[in-house]
Amino acid sequence: MHNVISLLDAALHQLYSKEKTAHGTILKAASLLRQQIEPPTARELPNGRGRLLPWQARKVRDYIDSHITGPILVADLCALVQRSEAYFSRSFKCTFGESPHAFIVRRRVELAAQYMLTTDTSLSDIALRCGFSDQAHLCKHFRHAAGQTPAAWRRAQHLDECETPPVERSLITSRNGTLIPAGQPIDGDTQVLAQETEEI
């Protein structure tokens, strides 16, 4: 499972410049896989030293998920497992493969992506629901994680999911044979040969 996630993360970075819709789909897949892993460990130590115990990892993850809409302090997480901040931070990174702050931001971005897929709520409302201070804060972290803005990602996901029935559109054929959608401005060099209706 961990190899699949690392492969998906690598594909995310490789596909950024080529195909943004595939990027969003891979982000969704990685998010779903992370949710299924109990606990999601990135670096497994052979003897388990330095890691949070399974009950501690569960307790911390459950606390983060239930308090995701508000501020989550490392001190609060340390109090859950009764460890110092330094020890807890090292153990957390060893267990989850990232710092507590990075883990929380990633979970918030995943939650925001889920809201964007399942609701028509505005991005500013989604940002507040997910614990970001405002829409700009969400946009910054989402762009870092997904490679595009939340609005662009949302549009791409809705376009992929929506299978629209064929729609009749009026097309204009120019002298060079290219089709120009109705309503698009035609420059002075283009001569209209025929107007036709085509089912797309």
Protein backbone atom coordinates (compact mmCIF):
# COMPACT_ATOMS: atom_id res chain seq x y z
CA MET A 1 0.00 0.00 0.00
CA HIS A 2 2.77 2.44 0.89
CA ASN A 3 4.49 1.78 -2.43
CA VAL A 4 1.24 2.57 -4.23
CA ILE A 5 0.95 5.89 -2.41
CA SER A 6 4.55 6.84 -3.16
CA LEU A 7 4.02 5.92 -6.83
CA LEU A 8 0.85 8.00 -6.96
CA ASP A 9 2.62 10.95 -5.31
CA ALA A 10 5.44 10.69 -7.85
CA ALA A 11 2.91 10.55 -10.69
CA LEU A 12 1.23 13.67 -9.33
CA HIS A 13 4.43 15.64 -9.70
CA GLN A 14 5.21 14.19 -13.14
CA LEU A 15 1.75 14.82 -14.56
CA TYR A 16 1.46 18.42 -13.40
CA SER A 17 2.74 19.89 -16.64
CA LYS A 18 1.02 17.33 -18.87
CA GLU A 19 -2.51 16.57 -17.69
CA LYS A 20 -4.23 18.38 -14.85
CA THR A 21 -7.39 16.25 -14.85
CA ALA A 22 -5.35 13.08 -14.37
CA HIS A 23 -3.59 14.96 -11.60
CA GLY A 24 -6.87 15.47 -9.74
CA THR A 25 -7.88 11.85 -10.18
CA ILE A 26 -4.57 10.62 -8.82
CA LEU A 27 -4.93 13.05 -5.88
CA LYS A 28 -8.32 11.48 -5.13
CA ALA A 29 -6.87 7.96 -5.34
CA ALA A 30 -3.98 8.82 -3.05
CA SER A 31 -6.38 10.38 -0.58
CA LEU A 32 -8.59 7.27 -0.54
CA LEU A 33 -5.62 4.97 -0.08
CA ARG A 34 -4.31 7.07 2.82
CA GLN A 35 -7.68 6.85 4.55
CA GLN A 36 -7.64 3.04 4.33
CA ILE A 37 -4.20 2.56 5.88
CA GLU A 38 -4.15 2.04 9.65
CA PRO A 39 -1.86 3.94 10.57
CA PRO A 40 -0.31 5.44 7.43
CA THR A 41 3.39 4.91 8.01
CA ALA A 42 5.97 6.19 5.59
CA ARG A 43 9.12 4.94 7.30
CA GLU A 44 8.89 1.68 9.13
CA LEU A 45 11.64 0.95 11.58
CA PRO A 46 12.35 -2.74 12.05
CA ASN A 47 12.00 -2.71 15.82
CA GLY A 48 9.28 -0.03 15.99
CA ARG A 49 11.41 2.24 18.18
CA GLY A 50 10.78 5.93 17.95
CA ARG A 51 7.25 5.50 16.63
CA LEU A 52 3.96 6.19 18.31
CA LEU A 53 2.23 3.09 19.58
CA PRO A 54 -0.81 2.02 17.51
CA TRP A 55 -3.28 3.26 20.14
CA GLN A 56 -1.44 6.60 20.32
CA ALA A 57 -1.45 7.00 16.53
CA ARG A 58 -5.18 6.20 16.42
CA LYS A 59 -5.93 8.62 19.25
CA VAL A 60 -3.94 11.44 17.63
CA ARG A 61 -5.44 10.82 14.17
CA ASP A 62 -8.98 10.69 15.59
CA TYR A 63 -8.38 13.93 17.53
CA ILE A 64 -7.08 15.66 14.40
CA ASP A 65 -10.04 14.48 12.32
CA SER A 66 -12.59 15.55 14.92
CA HIS A 67 -10.99 18.98 15.47
CA ILE A 68 -9.99 19.68 11.86
CA THR A 69 -12.22 22.77 11.62
CA GLY A 70 -10.40 24.64 14.36
CA PRO A 71 -6.85 25.32 15.42
CA ILE A 72 -4.89 22.20 16.38
CA LEU A 73 -1.83 22.80 18.50
CA VAL A 74 1.07 20.38 18.87
CA ALA A 75 0.81 20.93 22.63
CA ASP A 76 -2.75 19.52 22.56
CA LEU A 77 -1.58 16.47 20.63
CA CYS A 78 1.30 15.95 23.07
CA ALA A 79 -1.13 16.04 25.98
CA LEU A 80 -3.16 13.21 24.40
CA VAL A 81 -0.22 10.80 24.57
CA GLN A 82 1.59 12.46 27.48
CA ARG A 83 4.86 13.15 25.67
CA SER A 84 7.08 16.23 25.37
CA GLU A 85 6.77 18.29 22.20
CA ALA A 86 10.21 17.29 20.93
CA TYR A 87 9.67 13.57 21.53
CA PHE A 88 6.14 13.69 20.17
CA SER A 89 7.18 15.55 17.00
CA ARG A 90 9.96 13.02 16.27
CA SER A 91 7.65 10.08 16.97
CA PHE A 92 4.86 11.59 14.89
CA LYS A 93 7.14 12.11 11.90
CA CYS A 94 8.53 8.61 12.23
CA THR A 95 5.00 7.15 12.40
CA PHE A 96 3.20 9.23 9.76
CA GLY A 97 6.13 10.22 7.56
CA GLU A 98 5.54 13.98 7.92
CA SER A 99 5.46 16.64 10.60
CA PRO A 100 2.24 17.22 12.56
CA HIS A 101 1.67 20.52 10.73
CA ALA A 102 2.15 18.96 7.28
CA PHE A 103 -0.16 16.07 8.23
CA ILE A 104 -2.89 18.46 9.41
CA VAL A 105 -2.62 20.62 6.28
CA ARG A 106 -2.78 17.51 4.06
CA ARG A 107 -5.88 16.24 5.89
CA ARG A 108 -7.51 19.68 5.50
CA VAL A 109 -6.74 19.73 1.78
CA GLU A 110 -8.17 16.21 1.38
CA LEU A 111 -11.32 17.27 3.25
CA ALA A 112 -11.62 20.37 1.06
CA ALA A 113 -11.29 18.22 -2.06
CA GLN A 114 -14.04 15.94 -0.75
CA TYR A 115 -16.33 18.94 -0.11
CA MET A 116 -15.60 20.31 -3.58
CA LEU A 117 -16.60 16.99 -5.14
CA THR A 118 -19.75 16.45 -3.10
CA THR A 119 -21.18 19.95 -2.60
CA ASP A 120 -21.68 23.20 -4.48
CA THR A 121 -20.57 25.23 -1.47
CA SER A 122 -18.41 28.29 -2.18
CA LEU A 123 -14.66 27.92 -1.75
CA SER A 124 -14.60 30.48 1.06
CA ASP A 125 -17.14 28.42 3.03
CA ILE A 126 -15.22 25.21 2.32
CA ALA A 127 -12.01 26.88 3.50
CA LEU A 128 -13.62 27.80 6.82
CA ARG A 129 -15.22 24.34 7.23
CA CYS A 130 -11.83 22.71 6.77
CA GLY A 131 -9.98 24.87 9.28
CA PHE A 132 -8.23 27.26 6.89
CA SER A 133 -8.26 30.91 7.90
CA ASP A 134 -9.68 32.05 4.56
CA GLN A 135 -9.99 31.13 0.88
CA ALA A 136 -6.49 32.39 0.07
CA HIS A 137 -5.03 30.08 2.73
CA LEU A 138 -6.89 27.13 1.17
CA CYS A 139 -5.76 28.13 -2.33
CA LYS A 140 -2.11 28.33 -1.28
CA HIS A 141 -2.04 24.86 0.27
CA PHE A 142 -4.30 23.27 -2.34
CA ARG A 143 -2.16 24.59 -5.20
CA HIS A 144 0.93 23.20 -3.45
CA ALA A 145 -0.68 19.77 -3.02
CA ALA A 146 -2.66 19.44 -6.26
CA GLY A 147 -0.71 21.66 -8.62
CA GLN A 148 -3.69 23.85 -9.48
CA THR A 149 -6.15 26.16 -7.80
CA PRO A 150 -9.20 24.69 -6.05
CA ALA A 151 -11.54 26.35 -8.57
CA ALA A 152 -9.68 24.90 -11.57
CA TRP A 153 -9.50 21.47 -9.93
CA ARG A 154 -13.21 21.56 -9.11
CA ARG A 155 -14.12 22.51 -12.69
CA ALA A 156 -11.95 19.73 -14.08
CA GLN A 157 -13.53 17.18 -11.75
CA HIS A 158 -17.05 18.26 -12.62
CA LEU A 159 -16.25 18.13 -16.35
CA ASP A 160 -14.88 14.61 -15.97
CA GLU A 161 -17.88 13.39 -13.99
CA CYS A 162 -20.58 15.02 -16.07
CA GLU A 163 -21.51 13.12 -19.15
CA THR A 164 -23.66 15.56 -21.00
CA PRO A 165 -26.04 14.31 -23.68
CA PRO A 166 -25.34 15.42 -27.26
CA VAL A 167 -26.20 19.05 -27.76
CA GLU A 168 -26.91 20.68 -31.08
CA ARG A 169 -24.59 23.55 -31.76
CA SER A 170 -24.45 25.79 -34.75
CA LEU A 171 -21.06 25.63 -36.47
CA ILE A 172 -19.70 27.84 -39.19
CA THR A 173 -17.29 26.42 -41.76
CA SER A 174 -14.52 28.80 -42.83
CA ARG A 175 -12.69 28.85 -46.17
CA ASN A 176 -9.83 26.72 -44.83
CA GLY A 177 -12.29 24.07 -43.63
CA THR A 178 -12.03 24.63 -39.91
CA LEU A 179 -15.20 24.72 -37.84
CA ILE A 180 -15.86 27.82 -35.78
CA PRO A 181 -18.40 27.61 -32.93
CA ALA A 182 -21.36 29.98 -33.23
CA GLY A 183 -20.87 33.19 -31.31
CA GLN A 184 -17.10 33.17 -31.68
CA PRO A 185 -15.83 36.33 -33.39
CA ILE A 186 -14.64 35.90 -36.94
CA ASP A 187 -11.72 37.97 -38.13
CA GLY A 188 -11.74 39.89 -41.42
CA ASP A 189 -9.61 37.27 -43.25
CA THR A 190 -12.07 34.42 -42.64
CA GLN A 191 -14.74 33.86 -45.24
CA VAL A 192 -17.83 31.94 -44.25
CA LEU A 193 -18.63 29.16 -46.72
CA ALA A 194 -21.57 27.45 -45.07
CA GLN A 195 -23.44 27.36 -41.82
CA GLU A 196 -24.35 23.91 -40.62
CA THR A 197 -25.85 22.29 -37.57
CA GLU A 198 -23.93 19.37 -36.13
CA GLU A 199 -24.62 17.06 -33.23
CA ILE A 200 -21.67 16.80 -30.87
